Amino acid sequence: MPNLVLEYSNSVDERVNVQGLLEDLHKVAIGTGLFDVASVKSRALRCHHWLVGDEGDSVDFIHINFDLLSGRTPEQKRDLSRALMTVLQEQASHVRSLTVNVRDMDIDCFQKVVN
């Protein structure tokens, strides 16, 4: 069930191999052993419009939202967050803002259909 969503400013496209980065982040998620491999989903969303503080759209960014069903320990989530950030820093250290947010989903409210 985990969903990795890589959001990035369109200026990042010119300086980062986004597909390669997404693939490496996906491998990190799988490599943790925390999830059923077939359930890990990753995608990248290019942002065409954004604002940061009073600098408007002059600040480039990459932000990862990693949603997972509750049940992992704080240490497991922290380790996952750090591993994802390590990949970001290795491949996109020249991007001004790099952030990762690992967050629990409410297992009682999550719905899934697989055909």
N, C-alpha and C. Protein backbone atom coordinates (compact mmCIF):
# COMPACT_ATOMS: atom_id res chain seq x y z
N MET A 1 0.79 -1.19 0.00
CA MET A 1 0.00 0.00 0.00
C MET A 1 0.83 1.26 0.00
N PRO A 2 2.05 1.25 0.40
CA PRO A 2 2.75 2.53 0.50
C PRO A 2 2.79 3.28 -0.83
N ASN A 3 2.63 4.59 -0.73
CA ASN A 3 2.66 5.46 -1.90
C ASN A 3 3.75 6.50 -1.71
N LEU A 4 4.70 6.51 -2.62
CA LEU A 4 5.74 7.52 -2.65
C LEU A 4 5.37 8.51 -3.75
N VAL A 5 5.19 9.77 -3.37
CA VAL A 5 4.87 10.81 -4.34
C VAL A 5 5.99 11.85 -4.31
N LEU A 6 6.70 11.92 -5.41
CA LEU A 6 7.81 12.86 -5.58
C LEU A 6 7.28 14.08 -6.31
N GLU A 7 7.18 15.20 -5.61
CA GLU A 7 6.75 16.46 -6.22
C GLU A 7 7.99 17.30 -6.46
N TYR A 8 8.03 17.97 -7.61
CA TYR A 8 9.22 18.78 -7.90
C TYR A 8 8.87 19.97 -8.78
N SER A 9 9.62 21.05 -8.61
CA SER A 9 9.42 22.24 -9.44
C SER A 9 9.91 21.94 -10.85
N ASN A 10 9.26 22.53 -11.83
CA ASN A 10 9.61 22.20 -13.21
C ASN A 10 11.05 22.53 -13.55
N SER A 11 11.68 23.43 -12.83
CA SER A 11 13.08 23.76 -13.07
C SER A 11 14.01 22.59 -12.74
N VAL A 12 13.55 21.68 -11.90
CA VAL A 12 14.36 20.51 -11.51
C VAL A 12 14.56 19.59 -12.71
N ASP A 13 13.57 19.52 -13.58
CA ASP A 13 13.63 18.64 -14.75
C ASP A 13 14.90 18.84 -15.58
N GLU A 14 15.39 20.06 -15.63
CA GLU A 14 16.56 20.39 -16.43
C GLU A 14 17.87 19.92 -15.79
N ARG A 15 17.84 19.66 -14.48
CA ARG A 15 19.10 19.40 -13.78
C ARG A 15 19.16 18.06 -13.06
N VAL A 16 18.05 17.35 -13.02
CA VAL A 16 17.99 16.07 -12.31
C VAL A 16 17.33 15.04 -13.22
N ASN A 17 17.86 13.84 -13.21
CA ASN A 17 17.22 12.73 -13.92
C ASN A 17 16.08 12.25 -13.02
N VAL A 18 14.89 12.82 -13.23
CA VAL A 18 13.76 12.56 -12.35
C VAL A 18 13.35 11.08 -12.39
N GLN A 19 13.32 10.49 -13.57
CA GLN A 19 12.95 9.07 -13.66
C GLN A 19 13.95 8.20 -12.92
N GLY A 20 15.23 8.48 -13.08
CA GLY A 20 16.26 7.72 -12.37
C GLY A 20 16.16 7.90 -10.87
N LEU A 21 15.90 9.13 -10.44
CA LEU A 21 15.73 9.41 -9.02
C LEU A 21 14.52 8.65 -8.48
N LEU A 22 13.41 8.68 -9.20
CA LEU A 22 12.21 7.98 -8.77
C LEU A 22 12.48 6.48 -8.65
N GLU A 23 13.18 5.91 -9.61
CA GLU A 23 13.50 4.48 -9.56
C GLU A 23 14.37 4.15 -8.34
N ASP A 24 15.34 5.00 -8.05
CA ASP A 24 16.21 4.74 -6.89
C ASP A 24 15.45 4.87 -5.58
N LEU A 25 14.56 5.85 -5.49
CA LEU A 25 13.74 6.00 -4.28
C LEU A 25 12.81 4.81 -4.11
N HIS A 26 12.26 4.33 -5.21
CA HIS A 26 11.39 3.15 -5.19
C HIS A 26 12.16 1.93 -4.66
N LYS A 27 13.38 1.77 -5.13
CA LYS A 27 14.24 0.67 -4.66
C LYS A 27 14.51 0.78 -3.16
N VAL A 28 14.72 1.98 -2.68
CA VAL A 28 14.94 2.19 -1.25
C VAL A 28 13.72 1.72 -0.47
N ALA A 29 12.54 2.12 -0.91
CA ALA A 29 11.32 1.72 -0.22
C ALA A 29 11.18 0.20 -0.19
N ILE A 30 11.42 -0.43 -1.30
CA ILE A 30 11.35 -1.89 -1.37
C ILE A 30 12.42 -2.52 -0.49
N GLY A 31 13.61 -1.95 -0.52
CA GLY A 31 14.74 -2.50 0.21
C GLY A 31 14.63 -2.44 1.72
N THR A 32 13.71 -1.66 2.22
CA THR A 32 13.56 -1.58 3.68
C THR A 32 13.02 -2.89 4.26
N GLY A 33 12.31 -3.66 3.44
CA GLY A 33 11.69 -4.89 3.93
C GLY A 33 10.43 -4.63 4.75
N LEU A 34 9.97 -3.40 4.78
CA LEU A 34 8.79 -3.05 5.56
C LEU A 34 7.48 -3.32 4.82
N PHE A 35 7.57 -3.54 3.51
CA PHE A 35 6.37 -3.61 2.69
C PHE A 35 6.40 -4.82 1.77
N ASP A 36 5.21 -5.28 1.40
CA ASP A 36 5.07 -6.26 0.34
C ASP A 36 5.51 -5.58 -0.96
N VAL A 37 6.47 -6.16 -1.65
CA VAL A 37 7.05 -5.52 -2.83
C VAL A 37 5.99 -5.09 -3.84
N ALA A 38 5.02 -5.93 -4.10
CA ALA A 38 4.00 -5.63 -5.10
C ALA A 38 3.09 -4.46 -4.71
N SER A 39 3.10 -4.08 -3.45
CA SER A 39 2.21 -3.02 -3.00
C SER A 39 2.84 -1.63 -3.05
N VAL A 40 4.14 -1.54 -3.27
CA VAL A 40 4.84 -0.25 -3.27
C VAL A 40 4.56 0.47 -4.59
N LYS A 41 4.04 1.68 -4.50
CA LYS A 41 3.73 2.49 -5.67
C LYS A 41 4.48 3.82 -5.57
N SER A 42 5.13 4.21 -6.66
CA SER A 42 5.87 5.46 -6.68
C SER A 42 5.52 6.24 -7.94
N ARG A 43 5.45 7.55 -7.79
CA ARG A 43 5.15 8.39 -8.94
C ARG A 43 5.75 9.78 -8.72
N ALA A 44 5.97 10.47 -9.83
CA ALA A 44 6.52 11.82 -9.78
C ALA A 44 5.51 12.79 -10.37
N LEU A 45 5.36 13.92 -9.71
CA LEU A 45 4.44 14.96 -10.17
C LEU A 45 5.22 16.26 -10.33
N ARG A 46 5.27 16.72 -11.55
CA ARG A 46 5.96 17.98 -11.86
C ARG A 46 5.02 19.14 -11.57
N CYS A 47 5.49 20.10 -10.80
CA CYS A 47 4.69 21.28 -10.45
C CYS A 47 5.06 22.42 -11.39
N HIS A 48 4.06 22.96 -12.04
CA HIS A 48 4.27 24.06 -12.96
C HIS A 48 4.07 25.41 -12.28
N HIS A 49 3.38 25.40 -11.16
CA HIS A 49 3.10 26.64 -10.43
C HIS A 49 3.37 26.38 -8.95
N TRP A 50 4.18 27.22 -8.31
CA TRP A 50 4.48 27.10 -6.89
C TRP A 50 4.99 28.44 -6.37
N LEU A 51 4.93 28.58 -5.08
CA LEU A 51 5.45 29.77 -4.41
C LEU A 51 6.17 29.32 -3.15
N VAL A 52 7.30 29.96 -2.86
CA VAL A 52 8.05 29.67 -1.64
C VAL A 52 8.36 30.99 -0.96
N GLY A 53 7.79 31.16 0.24
CA GLY A 53 8.05 32.38 1.00
C GLY A 53 7.82 33.62 0.16
N ASP A 54 8.74 34.58 0.29
CA ASP A 54 8.62 35.80 -0.50
C ASP A 54 9.48 35.76 -1.76
N GLU A 55 10.02 34.57 -2.08
CA GLU A 55 10.84 34.42 -3.28
C GLU A 55 10.05 33.86 -4.47
N GLY A 56 8.77 33.68 -4.28
CA GLY A 56 7.91 33.23 -5.37
C GLY A 56 8.33 31.89 -5.93
N ASP A 57 8.45 31.83 -7.25
CA ASP A 57 8.80 30.57 -7.90
C ASP A 57 10.28 30.49 -8.27
N SER A 58 11.11 31.30 -7.64
CA SER A 58 12.55 31.27 -7.94
C SER A 58 13.29 30.20 -7.14
N VAL A 59 12.62 29.57 -6.20
CA VAL A 59 13.24 28.52 -5.38
C VAL A 59 12.81 27.17 -5.94
N ASP A 60 13.80 26.37 -6.36
CA ASP A 60 13.44 25.03 -6.84
C ASP A 60 13.36 24.07 -5.66
N PHE A 61 12.58 23.01 -5.83
CA PHE A 61 12.36 22.09 -4.71
C PHE A 61 12.08 20.68 -5.19
N ILE A 62 12.31 19.74 -4.29
CA ILE A 62 11.83 18.38 -4.41
C ILE A 62 11.25 18.03 -3.05
N HIS A 63 10.03 17.52 -3.06
CA HIS A 63 9.39 17.11 -1.81
C HIS A 63 8.83 15.71 -2.00
N ILE A 64 9.08 14.85 -1.04
CA ILE A 64 8.55 13.49 -1.06
C ILE A 64 7.51 13.35 0.03
N ASN A 65 6.31 12.93 -0.36
CA ASN A 65 5.31 12.47 0.59
C ASN A 65 5.30 10.95 0.49
N PHE A 66 5.48 10.30 1.62
CA PHE A 66 5.46 8.84 1.66
C PHE A 66 4.36 8.43 2.62
N ASP A 67 3.26 7.96 2.05
CA ASP A 67 2.10 7.55 2.85
C ASP A 67 2.12 6.04 3.03
N LEU A 68 1.92 5.61 4.26
CA LEU A 68 1.88 4.18 4.56
C LEU A 68 0.83 3.90 5.61
N LEU A 69 0.34 2.69 5.60
CA LEU A 69 -0.63 2.32 6.62
C LEU A 69 0.05 2.29 7.98
N SER A 70 -0.68 2.68 9.01
CA SER A 70 -0.12 2.71 10.35
C SER A 70 0.33 1.32 10.77
N GLY A 71 1.24 1.28 11.72
CA GLY A 71 1.73 0.01 12.22
C GLY A 71 3.23 -0.09 12.26
N ARG A 72 3.93 0.86 11.61
CA ARG A 72 5.40 0.87 11.68
C ARG A 72 5.83 1.67 12.90
N THR A 73 6.98 1.32 13.44
CA THR A 73 7.49 2.03 14.62
C THR A 73 8.03 3.39 14.20
N PRO A 74 8.14 4.31 15.14
CA PRO A 74 8.75 5.60 14.82
C PRO A 74 10.18 5.43 14.28
N GLU A 75 10.91 4.46 14.79
CA GLU A 75 12.28 4.23 14.32
C GLU A 75 12.28 3.77 12.87
N GLN A 76 11.36 2.88 12.51
CA GLN A 76 11.28 2.41 11.13
C GLN A 76 10.94 3.56 10.18
N LYS A 77 10.03 4.41 10.58
CA LYS A 77 9.66 5.55 9.74
C LYS A 77 10.80 6.56 9.65
N ARG A 78 11.49 6.78 10.73
CA ARG A 78 12.63 7.70 10.73
C ARG A 78 13.74 7.16 9.82
N ASP A 79 14.02 5.86 9.91
CA ASP A 79 15.05 5.25 9.06
C ASP A 79 14.67 5.34 7.58
N LEU A 80 13.39 5.12 7.28
CA LEU A 80 12.92 5.26 5.91
C LEU A 80 13.10 6.69 5.42
N SER A 81 12.71 7.65 6.23
CA SER A 81 12.84 9.06 5.87
C SER A 81 14.31 9.41 5.60
N ARG A 82 15.18 8.96 6.45
CA ARG A 82 16.62 9.25 6.29
C ARG A 82 17.18 8.59 5.04
N ALA A 83 16.75 7.37 4.75
CA ALA A 83 17.24 6.67 3.56
C ALA A 83 16.78 7.39 2.29
N LEU A 84 15.54 7.85 2.28
CA LEU A 84 15.03 8.60 1.13
C LEU A 84 15.79 9.92 0.97
N MET A 85 16.06 10.60 2.08
CA MET A 85 16.79 11.87 2.02
C MET A 85 18.22 11.65 1.54
N THR A 86 18.82 10.55 1.91
CA THR A 86 20.19 10.26 1.46
C THR A 86 20.23 10.19 -0.07
N VAL A 87 19.27 9.50 -0.66
CA VAL A 87 19.20 9.41 -2.12
C VAL A 87 18.98 10.80 -2.73
N LEU A 88 18.08 11.57 -2.14
CA LEU A 88 17.85 12.94 -2.63
C LEU A 88 19.14 13.75 -2.61
N GLN A 89 19.86 13.70 -1.51
CA GLN A 89 21.08 14.49 -1.39
C GLN A 89 22.16 14.01 -2.36
N GLU A 90 22.22 12.71 -2.60
CA GLU A 90 23.22 12.18 -3.53
C GLU A 90 22.94 12.63 -4.97
N GLN A 91 21.68 12.72 -5.34
CA GLN A 91 21.34 12.98 -6.73
C GLN A 91 20.86 14.40 -7.01
N ALA A 92 20.51 15.14 -5.97
CA ALA A 92 19.92 16.47 -6.21
C ALA A 92 20.40 17.49 -5.19
N SER A 93 21.64 17.40 -4.76
CA SER A 93 22.13 18.33 -3.72
C SER A 93 22.11 19.78 -4.19
N HIS A 94 22.11 20.00 -5.48
CA HIS A 94 22.09 21.36 -6.03
C HIS A 94 20.69 21.96 -6.04
N VAL A 95 19.67 21.17 -5.74
CA VAL A 95 18.31 21.69 -5.62
C VAL A 95 18.19 22.38 -4.27
N ARG A 96 17.64 23.55 -4.25
CA ARG A 96 17.66 24.38 -3.04
C ARG A 96 16.90 23.79 -1.86
N SER A 97 15.74 23.20 -2.10
CA SER A 97 14.93 22.68 -1.00
C SER A 97 14.61 21.21 -1.24
N LEU A 98 15.08 20.36 -0.32
CA LEU A 98 14.81 18.93 -0.35
C LEU A 98 14.09 18.56 0.94
N THR A 99 12.91 17.96 0.83
CA THR A 99 12.16 17.59 2.02
C THR A 99 11.51 16.22 1.84
N VAL A 100 11.33 15.54 2.97
CA VAL A 100 10.69 14.22 3.00
C VAL A 100 9.71 14.21 4.15
N ASN A 101 8.51 13.69 3.89
CA ASN A 101 7.51 13.54 4.94
C ASN A 101 6.95 12.12 4.88
N VAL A 102 7.19 11.34 5.91
CA VAL A 102 6.63 10.00 6.02
C VAL A 102 5.45 10.11 6.97
N ARG A 103 4.29 9.66 6.52
CA ARG A 103 3.11 9.83 7.35
C ARG A 103 2.21 8.60 7.29
N ASP A 104 1.56 8.35 8.42
CA ASP A 104 0.64 7.23 8.55
C ASP A 104 -0.72 7.57 7.97
N MET A 105 -1.32 6.58 7.37
CA MET A 105 -2.70 6.68 6.92
C MET A 105 -3.57 5.96 7.95
N ASP A 106 -4.81 6.34 8.02
CA ASP A 106 -5.75 5.70 8.93
C ASP A 106 -6.21 4.39 8.33
N ILE A 107 -5.77 3.28 8.89
CA ILE A 107 -6.06 1.95 8.35
C ILE A 107 -7.57 1.66 8.34
N ASP A 108 -8.31 2.26 9.24
CA ASP A 108 -9.76 2.04 9.28
C ASP A 108 -10.49 2.76 8.15
N CYS A 109 -9.88 3.77 7.59
CA CYS A 109 -10.53 4.55 6.53
C CYS A 109 -9.98 4.25 5.14
N PHE A 110 -8.90 3.52 5.06
CA PHE A 110 -8.30 3.20 3.76
C PHE A 110 -9.11 2.13 3.04
N GLN A 111 -9.33 2.37 1.76
CA GLN A 111 -10.06 1.41 0.92
C GLN A 111 -9.19 1.04 -0.27
N LYS A 112 -9.27 -0.21 -0.69
CA LYS A 112 -8.46 -0.67 -1.81
C LYS A 112 -9.22 -1.72 -2.60
N VAL A 113 -9.14 -1.60 -3.93
CA VAL A 113 -9.72 -2.60 -4.82
C VAL A 113 -8.63 -3.00 -5.78
N VAL A 114 -8.36 -4.28 -5.90
CA VAL A 114 -7.38 -4.78 -6.86
C VAL A 114 -8.10 -5.75 -7.78
N ASN A 115 -8.01 -5.49 -9.06
CA ASN A 115 -8.66 -6.37 -10.05
C ASN A 115 -7.66 -7.30 -10.68
